[in-house]
Amino acid sequence: MAKKAAFNESVKYILRKVNDILDHISQNDFDAIKDLFFSSNHIFVYGAGRSGLVVKAFAIRLVHLGFQAFVIGETITVPVQKGDLVVIVSGSGETIPAVMTAEIAHNLGASVISITGKKKSGIAKYANVTLFISASCRDSERKRYAPLGTLFEASVWILLDGIVADLLDSKQETEETMRKRHATLEQ
């Protein structure tokens, strides 16, 4: 019974904390991000570790919405150029490959969105817009119910899915039009 209790408490804790974290996203920042999506030629995403898994899921949804989206580091990714958008997710904002990606994208003339848990981070200094995901907390429950970067990654996943829903609405897309861009080899 203790295992089920830990599961239930963890889910309740994570949902409560993610809701609190995402309530702090600025509408001005969100509007600026939305503008960048619609004014960019290509969209690139980058993240390492679990953040990388989150941005890969986001890239799939962007493709379903009809954007030309790529994952930096994949073999079939086109080069980043001026007029493109690069979205970088890093909890610390200091992961060396993430900072290098932000700097290179910035120097190439691409727009950069950084999503990080550290306001004044290496990736933030190269970003046009930074979304600060304040997921660090000192709750005693955090270590038990949401260890390591769980709150950051869960918050970013839901944030990015919220962006997808907003882009879907703005583009006047539907789930049906997205499904047409989904895996075509499935029956």
Protein backbone atom coordinates (compact mmCIF):
# COMPACT_ATOMS: atom_id res chain seq x y z
CA MET A 1 0.00 0.00 0.00
CA ALA A 2 2.95 2.35 0.68
CA LYS A 3 4.04 2.11 -2.98
CA LYS A 4 0.61 3.24 -4.23
CA ALA A 5 0.61 6.07 -1.67
CA ALA A 6 4.02 7.29 -2.88
CA PHE A 7 2.80 7.19 -6.49
CA ASN A 8 -0.36 9.16 -5.70
CA GLU A 9 1.48 11.71 -3.57
CA SER A 10 4.13 12.16 -6.24
CA VAL A 11 1.57 12.79 -8.99
CA LYS A 12 -0.33 15.28 -6.81
CA TYR A 13 2.89 17.04 -5.82
CA ILE A 14 4.23 17.30 -9.39
CA LEU A 15 0.92 18.56 -10.79
CA ARG A 16 0.61 21.19 -8.04
CA LYS A 17 4.19 22.41 -8.46
CA VAL A 18 4.05 22.50 -12.28
CA ASN A 19 0.87 24.56 -12.11
CA ASP A 20 2.55 27.01 -9.71
CA ILE A 21 5.67 27.21 -11.88
CA LEU A 22 3.81 27.86 -15.13
CA ASP A 23 1.59 30.52 -13.54
CA HIS A 24 4.68 32.74 -13.50
CA ILE A 25 5.21 32.78 -17.29
CA SER A 26 4.95 36.33 -18.56
CA GLN A 27 2.30 37.02 -21.21
CA ASN A 28 4.69 39.50 -22.86
CA ASP A 29 7.37 36.82 -23.17
CA PHE A 30 4.81 34.35 -24.50
CA ASP A 31 3.62 36.85 -27.12
CA ALA A 32 7.22 37.55 -28.18
CA ILE A 33 7.86 33.83 -28.55
CA LYS A 34 4.75 33.36 -30.65
CA ASP A 35 5.87 36.17 -32.97
CA LEU A 36 9.24 34.45 -33.41
CA PHE A 37 7.58 31.20 -34.48
CA PHE A 38 5.60 32.96 -37.19
CA SER A 39 8.47 35.10 -38.46
CA SER A 40 11.09 32.34 -38.73
CA ASN A 41 12.06 30.29 -41.76
CA HIS A 42 13.00 27.11 -39.89
CA ILE A 43 12.72 26.12 -36.24
CA PHE A 44 15.49 24.23 -34.48
CA VAL A 45 15.40 22.73 -31.01
CA TYR A 46 18.21 21.71 -28.71
CA GLY A 47 18.49 20.15 -25.28
CA ALA A 48 20.70 17.59 -23.59
CA GLY A 49 19.61 14.64 -21.51
CA ARG A 50 15.97 14.70 -20.41
CA SER A 51 15.62 18.27 -21.71
CA GLY A 52 16.63 16.86 -25.10
CA LEU A 53 13.83 14.31 -24.94
CA VAL A 54 11.32 17.07 -24.16
CA VAL A 55 12.42 19.24 -27.11
CA LYS A 56 12.34 16.27 -29.49
CA ALA A 57 8.68 15.71 -28.58
CA PHE A 58 8.08 19.42 -29.21
CA ALA A 59 9.78 19.24 -32.63
CA ILE A 60 7.44 16.40 -33.64
CA ARG A 61 4.40 18.51 -32.78
CA LEU A 62 5.82 21.48 -34.70
CA VAL A 63 6.12 19.27 -37.78
CA HIS A 64 2.53 18.12 -37.24
CA LEU A 65 1.57 21.83 -37.27
CA GLY A 66 3.30 22.33 -40.61
CA PHE A 67 6.45 24.09 -39.40
CA GLN A 68 9.85 23.07 -40.78
CA ALA A 69 11.36 21.89 -37.51
CA PHE A 70 14.67 20.16 -36.83
CA VAL A 71 16.57 18.73 -33.87
CA ILE A 72 20.10 20.07 -33.65
CA GLY A 73 22.56 17.18 -33.66
CA GLU A 74 20.45 14.85 -35.80
CA THR A 75 22.00 13.74 -39.08
CA ILE A 76 19.26 15.15 -41.35
CA THR A 77 19.17 18.64 -39.84
CA VAL A 78 19.72 21.52 -42.25
CA PRO A 79 22.15 24.30 -41.27
CA VAL A 80 20.91 27.11 -39.04
CA GLN A 81 20.81 30.42 -40.92
CA LYS A 82 19.81 34.02 -40.45
CA GLY A 83 16.03 34.24 -40.13
CA ASP A 84 15.72 30.89 -38.35
CA LEU A 85 14.64 30.25 -34.76
CA VAL A 86 16.55 28.13 -32.26
CA VAL A 87 14.81 26.96 -29.06
CA ILE A 88 17.24 25.77 -26.39
CA VAL A 89 16.18 24.07 -23.16
CA SER A 90 18.65 23.74 -20.30
CA GLY A 91 17.79 23.57 -16.62
CA SER A 92 21.10 25.07 -15.56
CA GLY A 93 21.47 27.25 -18.64
CA GLU A 94 25.16 26.44 -18.43
CA THR A 95 25.50 23.08 -20.20
CA ILE A 96 28.48 23.69 -22.48
CA PRO A 97 26.90 22.36 -25.71
CA ALA A 98 23.72 24.39 -25.01
CA VAL A 99 25.69 27.60 -24.44
CA MET A 100 27.77 26.97 -27.57
CA THR A 101 24.60 26.33 -29.59
CA ALA A 102 23.05 29.58 -28.33
CA GLU A 103 26.20 31.56 -29.13
CA ILE A 104 26.60 30.09 -32.62
CA ALA A 105 22.91 30.58 -33.47
CA HIS A 106 23.07 34.17 -32.24
CA ASN A 107 26.23 34.86 -34.25
CA LEU A 108 24.59 33.41 -37.38
CA GLY A 109 21.69 35.86 -37.02
CA ALA A 110 19.10 33.34 -35.90
CA SER A 111 16.63 34.24 -33.17
CA VAL A 112 17.13 32.34 -29.93
CA ILE A 113 14.61 31.35 -27.29
CA SER A 114 16.14 30.00 -24.10
CA ILE A 115 14.13 28.06 -21.57
CA THR A 116 16.09 27.70 -18.38
CA GLY A 117 15.95 27.49 -14.62
CA LYS A 118 18.62 30.17 -14.24
CA LYS A 119 17.76 33.76 -15.25
CA LYS A 120 21.32 34.98 -15.79
CA SER A 121 22.72 31.95 -17.55
CA GLY A 122 25.05 31.34 -20.44
CA ILE A 123 22.21 30.55 -22.85
CA ALA A 124 20.11 33.51 -21.69
CA LYS A 125 22.75 36.05 -22.66
CA TYR A 126 22.41 35.01 -26.32
CA ALA A 127 18.61 34.79 -26.33
CA ASN A 128 16.05 37.14 -27.81
CA VAL A 129 13.58 35.82 -25.23
CA THR A 130 14.24 33.78 -22.11
CA LEU A 131 11.55 31.86 -20.29
CA PHE A 132 12.60 31.39 -16.69
CA ILE A 133 11.19 28.17 -15.27
CA SER A 134 11.61 28.57 -11.53
CA ALA A 135 11.52 24.90 -10.61
CA SER A 136 14.01 24.94 -7.77
CA CYS A 137 12.41 24.60 -4.38
CA ARG A 138 13.44 23.49 -0.97
CA ASP A 139 10.34 21.45 -0.16
CA SER A 140 11.21 18.30 1.73
CA GLU A 141 8.80 16.48 -0.61
CA ARG A 142 10.71 17.49 -3.76
CA LYS A 143 13.56 15.07 -3.16
CA ARG A 144 11.11 12.24 -2.54
CA TYR A 145 8.42 12.92 -5.14
CA ALA A 146 10.24 14.83 -7.90
CA PRO A 147 13.99 14.13 -7.73
CA LEU A 148 16.68 15.93 -9.67
CA GLY A 149 15.26 17.95 -12.58
CA THR A 150 11.78 16.41 -12.67
CA LEU A 151 9.91 19.65 -11.93
CA PHE A 152 11.84 21.58 -14.58
CA GLU A 153 11.39 18.95 -17.29
CA ALA A 154 7.71 18.32 -16.51
CA SER A 155 7.05 22.07 -16.51
CA VAL A 156 8.84 22.57 -19.83
CA TRP A 157 6.98 19.65 -21.42
CA ILE A 158 3.61 21.14 -20.46
CA LEU A 159 4.75 24.66 -21.40
CA LEU A 160 5.76 23.47 -24.88
CA ASP A 161 2.49 21.56 -25.32
CA GLY A 162 0.68 24.76 -24.33
CA ILE A 163 2.64 26.61 -27.03
CA VAL A 164 1.58 23.90 -29.51
CA ALA A 165 -2.08 24.43 -28.58
CA ASP A 166 -1.74 28.19 -29.03
CA LEU A 167 0.05 27.79 -32.39
CA LEU A 168 -2.63 25.31 -33.48
CA ASP A 169 -5.28 27.91 -32.72
CA SER A 170 -3.37 30.80 -34.31
CA LYS A 171 -2.74 28.82 -37.51
CA GLN A 172 -6.37 27.69 -37.55
CA GLU A 173 -5.19 24.10 -37.64
CA THR A 174 -7.13 21.16 -36.24
CA GLU A 175 -6.22 17.78 -34.91
CA GLU A 176 -7.35 16.39 -38.26
CA THR A 177 -4.98 18.63 -40.25
CA MET A 178 -2.18 17.70 -37.85
CA ARG A 179 -2.97 14.02 -38.27
CA LYS A 180 -2.37 14.36 -42.03
CA ARG A 181 1.25 15.27 -41.23
CA HIS A 182 1.59 12.42 -38.73
CA ALA A 183 3.40 9.15 -39.44
CA THR A 184 2.07 8.09 -42.84
CA LEU A 185 3.21 4.48 -42.61
CA GLU A 186 0.66 3.70 -39.88
CA GLN A 187 -2.74 2.26 -40.75
